[in-house]
Amino acid sequence: MDISPPPPPPPLPPPQSKPDRKTVEKNRRNQMKYLYSKLDSLISSSPSASTSGQPLPDKLDEATNYIKRVQERIEQLKEKKRQLIGSSEGTSNEKSSPQIEVHELGSGKHAVLIVSSDHDRAIMHKSIRAVEEGGAEVFNAHYSSFGDKFIVSLHASVS
């Protein structure tokens, strides 16, 4: 059963005459009822909470626990962000300059080019293009990925 929160309490009359104690207490109760229902709607929108039918102290405990869980999650995400920023700053030089190894085979007419790079999925196409622009003919290419590292092996005939 979904109960919509009551409307906010009406504004207090101008302070021309001091309202009697009964009216002040009624306004206070209405305001608290409105705030509790608003809190309940926020908490019950979370997937782990089901506060309908619970007594008020239990709803307040649930709200407190929910806020603590959200704060812990925020701290975890901040820590993860710091780690990711730290790791990306540490590898920024590796991103701009991939490691390249060239091995000559036999008569020097064949070569094996091994290129490894972090975070660059287009490294194979770039490597083939660079070798062919240099005057060699690529006759075999192999692409591997290990985690976030990409390795390209090219067998080329150098003319």
N, C-alpha and C. Protein backbone atom coordinates (compact mmCIF):
# COMPACT_ATOMS: atom_id res chain seq x y z
N MET A 1 0.85 -1.16 0.00
CA MET A 1 0.00 0.00 0.00
C MET A 1 0.90 1.23 0.00
N ASP A 2 0.75 2.06 -1.00
CA ASP A 2 1.60 3.22 -1.15
C ASP A 2 0.84 4.45 -0.66
N ILE A 3 1.35 5.03 0.37
CA ILE A 3 0.70 6.21 0.96
C ILE A 3 1.52 7.42 0.58
N SER A 4 0.87 8.37 -0.07
CA SER A 4 1.60 9.58 -0.44
C SER A 4 1.77 10.45 0.80
N PRO A 5 2.88 11.18 0.84
CA PRO A 5 3.13 12.01 2.03
C PRO A 5 2.09 13.13 2.12
N PRO A 6 1.75 13.50 3.32
CA PRO A 6 0.77 14.58 3.46
C PRO A 6 1.38 15.88 2.96
N PRO A 7 0.54 16.79 2.56
CA PRO A 7 1.07 18.07 2.07
C PRO A 7 1.78 18.80 3.20
N PRO A 8 2.71 19.70 2.83
CA PRO A 8 3.40 20.43 3.89
C PRO A 8 2.40 21.24 4.71
N PRO A 9 2.73 21.45 5.96
CA PRO A 9 1.80 22.19 6.81
C PRO A 9 1.62 23.62 6.31
N PRO A 10 0.45 24.16 6.58
CA PRO A 10 0.20 25.53 6.11
C PRO A 10 1.13 26.49 6.85
N PRO A 11 1.48 27.58 6.18
CA PRO A 11 2.36 28.54 6.84
C PRO A 11 1.66 29.14 8.06
N LEU A 12 2.48 29.49 9.00
CA LEU A 12 1.95 30.09 10.23
C LEU A 12 1.40 31.48 9.93
N PRO A 13 0.37 31.87 10.64
CA PRO A 13 -0.16 33.21 10.42
C PRO A 13 0.87 34.26 10.85
N PRO A 14 0.75 35.45 10.33
CA PRO A 14 1.69 36.50 10.70
C PRO A 14 1.68 36.69 12.22
N PRO A 15 2.82 37.08 12.79
CA PRO A 15 2.92 37.15 14.25
C PRO A 15 2.21 38.36 14.87
N GLN A 16 1.00 38.62 14.40
CA GLN A 16 0.24 39.71 15.00
C GLN A 16 -0.20 39.32 16.41
N SER A 17 -0.69 38.09 16.49
CA SER A 17 -1.08 37.60 17.81
C SER A 17 -0.41 36.25 17.99
N LYS A 18 0.05 35.98 19.16
CA LYS A 18 0.73 34.74 19.45
C LYS A 18 -0.28 33.59 19.40
N PRO A 19 0.04 32.52 18.54
CA PRO A 19 -0.91 31.41 18.47
C PRO A 19 -0.92 30.64 19.79
N ASP A 20 -2.06 30.06 20.05
CA ASP A 20 -2.16 29.33 21.31
C ASP A 20 -1.33 28.04 21.23
N ARG A 21 -1.08 27.47 22.37
CA ARG A 21 -0.20 26.32 22.51
C ARG A 21 -0.71 25.12 21.70
N LYS A 22 -2.00 24.93 21.66
CA LYS A 22 -2.61 23.83 20.95
C LYS A 22 -2.31 23.93 19.44
N THR A 23 -2.40 25.10 18.88
CA THR A 23 -2.14 25.31 17.46
C THR A 23 -0.66 25.10 17.14
N VAL A 24 0.20 25.59 18.02
CA VAL A 24 1.63 25.43 17.82
C VAL A 24 1.99 23.95 17.82
N GLU A 25 1.45 23.21 18.76
CA GLU A 25 1.73 21.78 18.86
C GLU A 25 1.17 21.03 17.65
N LYS A 26 0.01 21.40 17.18
CA LYS A 26 -0.59 20.76 16.01
C LYS A 26 0.28 21.01 14.77
N ASN A 27 0.73 22.24 14.62
CA ASN A 27 1.61 22.58 13.48
C ASN A 27 2.93 21.79 13.56
N ARG A 28 3.46 21.67 14.76
CA ARG A 28 4.70 20.93 14.95
C ARG A 28 4.51 19.46 14.57
N ARG A 29 3.42 18.87 15.03
CA ARG A 29 3.13 17.47 14.71
C ARG A 29 2.94 17.27 13.21
N ASN A 30 2.24 18.18 12.57
CA ASN A 30 2.03 18.08 11.12
C ASN A 30 3.38 18.19 10.37
N GLN A 31 4.21 19.11 10.83
CA GLN A 31 5.52 19.27 10.21
C GLN A 31 6.36 18.00 10.38
N MET A 32 6.36 17.43 11.57
CA MET A 32 7.11 16.20 11.82
C MET A 32 6.54 15.03 11.00
N LYS A 33 5.24 14.95 10.90
CA LYS A 33 4.61 13.90 10.11
C LYS A 33 5.04 14.02 8.64
N TYR A 34 5.05 15.24 8.15
CA TYR A 34 5.47 15.48 6.77
C TYR A 34 6.94 15.08 6.58
N LEU A 35 7.81 15.46 7.50
CA LEU A 35 9.23 15.14 7.39
C LEU A 35 9.47 13.63 7.49
N TYR A 36 8.75 12.94 8.39
CA TYR A 36 8.89 11.49 8.51
C TYR A 36 8.44 10.79 7.22
N SER A 37 7.35 11.26 6.64
CA SER A 37 6.87 10.62 5.42
C SER A 37 7.84 10.88 4.26
N LYS A 38 8.44 12.05 4.26
CA LYS A 38 9.43 12.35 3.22
C LYS A 38 10.66 11.45 3.40
N LEU A 39 11.12 11.29 4.63
CA LEU A 39 12.24 10.40 4.92
C LEU A 39 11.89 8.96 4.52
N ASP A 40 10.70 8.53 4.86
CA ASP A 40 10.26 7.18 4.53
C ASP A 40 10.24 6.96 3.02
N SER A 41 9.80 7.96 2.26
CA SER A 41 9.77 7.81 0.80
C SER A 41 11.18 7.73 0.24
N LEU A 42 12.13 8.44 0.84
CA LEU A 42 13.51 8.37 0.37
C LEU A 42 14.13 7.02 0.70
N ILE A 43 13.88 6.52 1.90
CA ILE A 43 14.46 5.25 2.32
C ILE A 43 13.80 4.09 1.59
N SER A 44 12.51 4.12 1.42
CA SER A 44 11.84 3.00 0.77
C SER A 44 12.13 2.96 -0.72
N SER A 45 12.73 4.03 -1.29
CA SER A 45 13.12 3.98 -2.70
C SER A 45 14.42 3.22 -2.87
N SER A 46 15.16 3.00 -1.77
CA SER A 46 16.39 2.21 -1.87
C SER A 46 16.00 0.74 -1.97
N PRO A 47 16.77 -0.06 -2.74
CA PRO A 47 16.38 -1.45 -2.97
C PRO A 47 16.42 -2.33 -1.73
N SER A 48 17.23 -1.99 -0.74
CA SER A 48 17.38 -2.89 0.41
C SER A 48 16.41 -2.55 1.55
N ALA A 49 15.64 -1.50 1.40
CA ALA A 49 14.79 -1.05 2.51
C ALA A 49 13.32 -1.32 2.20
N SER A 50 12.65 -1.78 3.20
CA SER A 50 11.21 -1.94 3.13
C SER A 50 10.66 -1.52 4.48
N THR A 51 10.32 -0.23 4.60
CA THR A 51 9.97 0.31 5.90
C THR A 51 8.47 0.44 6.12
N SER A 52 7.67 0.06 5.13
CA SER A 52 6.23 0.21 5.32
C SER A 52 5.76 -0.72 6.44
N GLY A 53 4.98 -0.18 7.33
CA GLY A 53 4.44 -0.97 8.43
C GLY A 53 5.36 -1.06 9.63
N GLN A 54 6.54 -0.50 9.57
CA GLN A 54 7.45 -0.53 10.70
C GLN A 54 7.13 0.62 11.65
N PRO A 55 7.40 0.42 12.92
CA PRO A 55 7.22 1.54 13.85
C PRO A 55 8.26 2.63 13.57
N LEU A 56 7.95 3.83 13.99
CA LEU A 56 8.80 4.98 13.72
C LEU A 56 10.25 4.80 14.17
N PRO A 57 10.52 4.30 15.38
CA PRO A 57 11.93 4.12 15.76
C PRO A 57 12.68 3.17 14.82
N ASP A 58 12.01 2.13 14.33
CA ASP A 58 12.66 1.22 13.39
C ASP A 58 12.94 1.91 12.06
N LYS A 59 12.02 2.75 11.61
CA LYS A 59 12.24 3.51 10.38
C LYS A 59 13.43 4.44 10.53
N LEU A 60 13.54 5.08 11.69
CA LEU A 60 14.68 5.98 11.94
C LEU A 60 15.99 5.20 11.98
N ASP A 61 15.97 4.01 12.59
CA ASP A 61 17.17 3.16 12.59
C ASP A 61 17.56 2.76 11.17
N GLU A 62 16.56 2.40 10.38
CA GLU A 62 16.81 2.03 9.00
C GLU A 62 17.39 3.21 8.22
N ALA A 63 16.88 4.40 8.44
CA ALA A 63 17.40 5.59 7.78
C ALA A 63 18.85 5.84 8.19
N THR A 64 19.15 5.68 9.46
CA THR A 64 20.51 5.87 9.95
C THR A 64 21.45 4.85 9.31
N ASN A 65 21.04 3.59 9.26
CA ASN A 65 21.86 2.55 8.64
C ASN A 65 22.07 2.81 7.15
N TYR A 66 21.02 3.26 6.49
CA TYR A 66 21.10 3.57 5.06
C TYR A 66 22.12 4.69 4.82
N ILE A 67 22.07 5.73 5.62
CA ILE A 67 23.01 6.85 5.48
C ILE A 67 24.44 6.38 5.72
N LYS A 68 24.64 5.51 6.70
CA LYS A 68 25.99 4.98 6.98
C LYS A 68 26.49 4.15 5.80
N ARG A 69 25.61 3.32 5.22
CA ARG A 69 26.01 2.51 4.07
C ARG A 69 26.39 3.39 2.88
N VAL A 70 25.61 4.43 2.67
CA VAL A 70 25.90 5.33 1.55
C VAL A 70 27.23 6.06 1.79
N GLN A 71 27.49 6.49 3.02
CA GLN A 71 28.76 7.15 3.32
C GLN A 71 29.94 6.20 3.10
N GLU A 72 29.81 4.94 3.52
CA GLU A 72 30.87 3.96 3.30
C GLU A 72 31.10 3.74 1.81
N ARG A 73 30.02 3.65 1.05
CA ARG A 73 30.14 3.45 -0.40
C ARG A 73 30.83 4.65 -1.05
N ILE A 74 30.51 5.84 -0.59
CA ILE A 74 31.16 7.04 -1.12
C ILE A 74 32.66 7.00 -0.84
N GLU A 75 33.03 6.61 0.36
CA GLU A 75 34.45 6.52 0.71
C GLU A 75 35.16 5.46 -0.16
N GLN A 76 34.51 4.33 -0.39
CA GLN A 76 35.10 3.29 -1.23
C GLN A 76 35.31 3.81 -2.65
N LEU A 77 34.31 4.52 -3.17
CA LEU A 77 34.42 5.05 -4.53
C LEU A 77 35.49 6.14 -4.63
N LYS A 78 35.61 6.96 -3.58
CA LYS A 78 36.67 7.98 -3.57
C LYS A 78 38.04 7.32 -3.58
N GLU A 79 38.21 6.26 -2.79
CA GLU A 79 39.48 5.56 -2.73
C GLU A 79 39.79 4.91 -4.08
N LYS A 80 38.79 4.31 -4.70
CA LYS A 80 38.99 3.70 -6.01
C LYS A 80 39.37 4.76 -7.04
N LYS A 81 38.74 5.92 -6.96
CA LYS A 81 39.06 7.02 -7.87
C LYS A 81 40.51 7.46 -7.68
N ARG A 82 40.94 7.60 -6.40
CA ARG A 82 42.33 7.99 -6.14
C ARG A 82 43.30 6.96 -6.71
N GLN A 83 42.98 5.68 -6.57
CA GLN A 83 43.86 4.63 -7.09
C GLN A 83 43.91 4.69 -8.62
N LEU A 84 42.76 4.89 -9.24
CA LEU A 84 42.73 4.94 -10.70
C LEU A 84 43.47 6.16 -11.23
N ILE A 85 43.30 7.28 -10.58
CA ILE A 85 44.01 8.49 -11.01
C ILE A 85 45.51 8.29 -10.82
N GLY A 86 45.90 7.71 -9.70
CA GLY A 86 47.31 7.45 -9.44
C GLY A 86 47.91 6.49 -10.45
N SER A 87 47.19 5.44 -10.81
CA SER A 87 47.72 4.47 -11.76
C SER A 87 47.76 5.04 -13.17
N SER A 88 46.82 5.90 -13.52
CA SER A 88 46.85 6.48 -14.87
C SER A 88 47.95 7.51 -14.99
N GLU A 89 48.29 8.21 -13.89
CA GLU A 89 49.39 9.17 -13.94
C GLU A 89 50.71 8.43 -14.04
N GLY A 90 50.81 7.28 -13.40
CA GLY A 90 52.04 6.51 -13.43
C GLY A 90 52.31 5.89 -14.78
N THR A 91 51.29 5.63 -15.58
CA THR A 91 51.48 4.98 -16.88
C THR A 91 51.28 5.95 -18.03
N SER A 92 51.17 7.23 -17.77
CA SER A 92 50.91 8.17 -18.86
C SER A 92 52.05 8.19 -19.87
N ASN A 93 53.31 8.00 -19.44
CA ASN A 93 54.43 7.96 -20.37
C ASN A 93 54.38 6.71 -21.23
N GLU A 94 53.95 5.59 -20.65
CA GLU A 94 53.87 4.35 -21.40
C GLU A 94 52.81 4.45 -22.49
N LYS A 95 51.76 5.18 -22.27
CA LYS A 95 50.71 5.33 -23.26
C LYS A 95 51.23 6.04 -24.49
N SER A 96 52.04 7.08 -24.31
CA SER A 96 52.49 7.88 -25.44
C SER A 96 53.63 7.20 -26.20
N SER A 97 54.39 6.31 -25.56
CA SER A 97 55.51 5.67 -26.26
C SER A 97 55.48 4.16 -26.05
N PRO A 98 54.94 3.41 -27.01
CA PRO A 98 54.90 1.95 -26.87
C PRO A 98 56.30 1.37 -26.98
N GLN A 99 56.48 0.20 -26.43
CA GLN A 99 57.77 -0.49 -26.50
C GLN A 99 57.83 -1.26 -27.81
N ILE A 100 58.95 -1.13 -28.53
CA ILE A 100 59.10 -1.78 -29.83
C ILE A 100 60.39 -2.58 -29.84
N GLU A 101 60.30 -3.83 -30.31
CA GLU A 101 61.48 -4.69 -30.45
C GLU A 101 61.50 -5.20 -31.89
N VAL A 102 62.68 -5.17 -32.51
CA VAL A 102 62.83 -5.70 -33.87
C VAL A 102 63.89 -6.79 -33.82
N HIS A 103 63.57 -7.95 -34.39
CA HIS A 103 64.50 -9.08 -34.44
C HIS A 103 64.67 -9.46 -35.91
N GLU A 104 65.91 -9.53 -36.36
CA GLU A 104 66.18 -9.94 -37.74
C GLU A 104 66.25 -11.45 -37.80
N LEU A 105 65.72 -12.00 -38.86
CA LEU A 105 65.73 -13.44 -39.07
C LEU A 105 66.58 -13.77 -40.29
N GLY A 106 67.55 -14.60 -40.11
CA GLY A 106 68.35 -15.10 -41.23
C GLY A 106 69.10 -14.04 -41.99
N SER A 107 68.77 -13.90 -43.27
CA SER A 107 69.53 -13.06 -44.17
C SER A 107 69.28 -11.57 -43.97
N GLY A 108 68.41 -11.20 -43.07
CA GLY A 108 68.12 -9.78 -42.86
C GLY A 108 66.97 -9.30 -43.72
N LYS A 109 66.43 -10.20 -44.55
CA LYS A 109 65.30 -9.81 -45.39
C LYS A 109 63.97 -9.96 -44.66
N HIS A 110 63.98 -10.69 -43.54
CA HIS A 110 62.76 -10.87 -42.76
C HIS A 110 63.00 -10.29 -41.37
N ALA A 111 61.96 -9.71 -40.78
CA ALA A 111 62.09 -9.14 -39.43
C ALA A 111 60.82 -9.44 -38.65
N VAL A 112 60.96 -9.51 -37.35
CA VAL A 112 59.81 -9.67 -36.45
C VAL A 112 59.73 -8.40 -35.63
N LEU A 113 58.60 -7.75 -35.66
CA LEU A 113 58.38 -6.52 -34.91
C LEU A 113 57.41 -6.83 -33.79
N ILE A 114 57.79 -6.56 -32.54
CA ILE A 114 56.90 -6.79 -31.41
C ILE A 114 56.63 -5.42 -30.77
N VAL A 115 55.37 -5.04 -30.75
CA VAL A 115 54.97 -3.75 -30.20
C VAL A 115 54.05 -4.02 -29.02
N SER A 116 54.34 -3.42 -27.86
CA SER A 116 53.44 -3.57 -26.71
C SER A 116 53.06 -2.19 -26.21
N SER A 117 51.81 -2.04 -25.86
CA SER A 117 51.31 -0.75 -25.43
C SER A 117 50.18 -0.96 -24.43
N ASP A 118 50.02 -0.01 -23.53
CA ASP A 118 48.90 -0.04 -22.59
C ASP A 118 47.77 0.83 -23.14
N HIS A 119 46.56 0.36 -23.03
CA HIS A 119 45.36 1.14 -23.32
C HIS A 119 45.27 1.59 -24.77
N ASP A 120 45.87 0.88 -25.74
CA ASP A 120 45.78 1.31 -27.13
C ASP A 120 45.34 0.13 -27.98
N ARG A 121 44.07 0.02 -28.20
CA ARG A 121 43.52 -1.10 -28.95
C ARG A 121 43.82 -0.98 -30.45
N ALA A 122 44.11 0.20 -30.94
CA ALA A 122 44.37 0.40 -32.36
C ALA A 122 45.84 0.20 -32.70
N ILE A 123 46.63 -0.33 -31.78
CA ILE A 123 48.07 -0.47 -31.98
C ILE A 123 48.39 -1.39 -33.15
N MET A 124 47.60 -2.41 -33.41
CA MET A 124 47.88 -3.34 -34.51
C MET A 124 47.78 -2.61 -35.84
N HIS A 125 46.72 -1.87 -36.04
CA HIS A 125 46.53 -1.14 -37.31
C HIS A 125 47.61 -0.08 -37.48
N LYS A 126 47.95 0.60 -36.40
CA LYS A 126 49.00 1.62 -36.48
C LYS A 126 50.34 0.99 -36.83
N SER A 127 50.64 -0.16 -36.23
CA SER A 127 51.91 -0.84 -36.47
C SER A 127 52.01 -1.31 -37.92
N ILE A 128 50.98 -1.95 -38.44
CA ILE A 128 50.99 -2.43 -39.82
C ILE A 128 51.16 -1.26 -40.77
N ARG A 129 50.42 -0.19 -40.54
CA ARG A 129 50.51 0.99 -41.40
C ARG A 129 51.93 1.56 -41.38
N ALA A 130 52.53 1.66 -40.18
CA ALA A 130 53.89 2.22 -40.08
C ALA A 130 54.91 1.35 -40.79
N VAL A 131 54.80 0.02 -40.67
CA VAL A 131 55.74 -0.88 -41.32
C VAL A 131 55.59 -0.80 -42.84
N GLU A 132 54.36 -0.78 -43.34
CA GLU A 132 54.14 -0.71 -44.78
C GLU A 132 54.55 0.64 -45.35
N GLU A 133 54.35 1.71 -44.59
CA GLU A 133 54.80 3.01 -45.05
C GLU A 133 56.33 3.08 -45.11
N GLY A 134 57.00 2.27 -44.29
CA GLY A 134 58.46 2.21 -44.29
C GLY A 134 59.02 1.36 -45.41
N GLY A 135 58.20 0.77 -46.24
CA GLY A 135 58.67 0.01 -47.40
C GLY A 135 58.69 -1.48 -47.21
N ALA A 136 58.22 -2.00 -46.11
CA ALA A 136 58.22 -3.44 -45.88
C ALA A 136 56.84 -4.01 -46.20
N GLU A 137 56.84 -5.34 -46.42
CA GLU A 137 55.57 -6.01 -46.69
C GLU A 137 55.25 -6.94 -45.52
N VAL A 138 54.11 -6.73 -44.87
CA VAL A 138 53.69 -7.55 -43.74
C VAL A 138 53.02 -8.80 -44.29
N PHE A 139 53.55 -9.97 -43.93
CA PHE A 139 52.92 -11.20 -44.39
C PHE A 139 52.28 -12.01 -43.27
N ASN A 140 52.48 -11.63 -42.02
CA ASN A 140 51.84 -12.32 -40.91
C ASN A 140 51.72 -11.33 -39.75
N ALA A 141 50.57 -11.32 -39.10
CA ALA A 141 50.37 -10.44 -37.95
C ALA A 141 49.60 -11.21 -36.89
N HIS A 142 50.00 -10.98 -35.63
CA HIS A 142 49.33 -11.65 -34.51
C HIS A 142 49.09 -10.60 -33.43
N TYR A 143 47.90 -10.65 -32.85
CA TYR A 143 47.48 -9.65 -31.85
C TYR A 143 47.08 -10.40 -30.58
N SER A 144 47.61 -9.96 -29.42
CA SER A 144 47.25 -10.56 -28.14
C SER A 144 46.97 -9.47 -27.14
N SER A 145 46.12 -9.78 -26.18
CA SER A 145 45.90 -8.82 -25.10
C SER A 145 45.99 -9.57 -23.77
N PHE A 146 46.67 -8.94 -22.83
CA PHE A 146 46.82 -9.48 -21.49
C PHE A 146 46.41 -8.38 -20.53
N GLY A 147 45.20 -8.49 -19.98
CA GLY A 147 44.70 -7.41 -19.11
C GLY A 147 44.53 -6.14 -19.92
N ASP A 148 45.28 -5.10 -19.54
CA ASP A 148 45.18 -3.84 -20.28
C ASP A 148 46.40 -3.63 -21.18
N LYS A 149 47.19 -4.66 -21.41
CA LYS A 149 48.37 -4.58 -22.27
C LYS A 149 48.07 -5.29 -23.58
N PHE A 150 48.44 -4.65 -24.71
CA PHE A 150 48.18 -5.19 -26.03
C PHE A 150 49.52 -5.42 -26.72
N ILE A 151 49.69 -6.61 -27.31
CA ILE A 151 50.94 -6.97 -27.96
C ILE A 151 50.65 -7.36 -29.40
N VAL A 152 51.44 -6.79 -30.33
CA VAL A 152 51.30 -7.09 -31.74
C VAL A 152 52.62 -7.67 -32.22
N SER A 153 52.58 -8.81 -32.89
CA SER A 153 53.77 -9.40 -33.51
C SER A 153 53.55 -9.36 -35.02
N LEU A 154 54.47 -8.73 -35.74
CA LEU A 154 54.36 -8.63 -37.19
C LEU A 154 55.57 -9.33 -37.80
N HIS A 155 55.36 -10.15 -38.83
CA HIS A 155 56.45 -10.74 -39.60
C HIS A 155 56.40 -10.00 -40.94
N ALA A 156 57.51 -9.34 -41.25
CA ALA A 156 57.52 -8.53 -42.44
C ALA A 156 58.73 -8.88 -43.29
N SER A 157 58.58 -8.70 -44.57
CA SER A 157 59.67 -8.89 -45.51
C SER A 157 60.22 -7.52 -45.83
N VAL A 158 61.50 -7.31 -45.57
CA VAL A 158 62.12 -6.01 -45.80
C VAL A 158 62.76 -6.05 -47.17
N SER A 159 62.39 -5.11 -48.03
CA SER A 159 62.97 -5.11 -49.38
C SER A 159 64.05 -4.08 -49.55
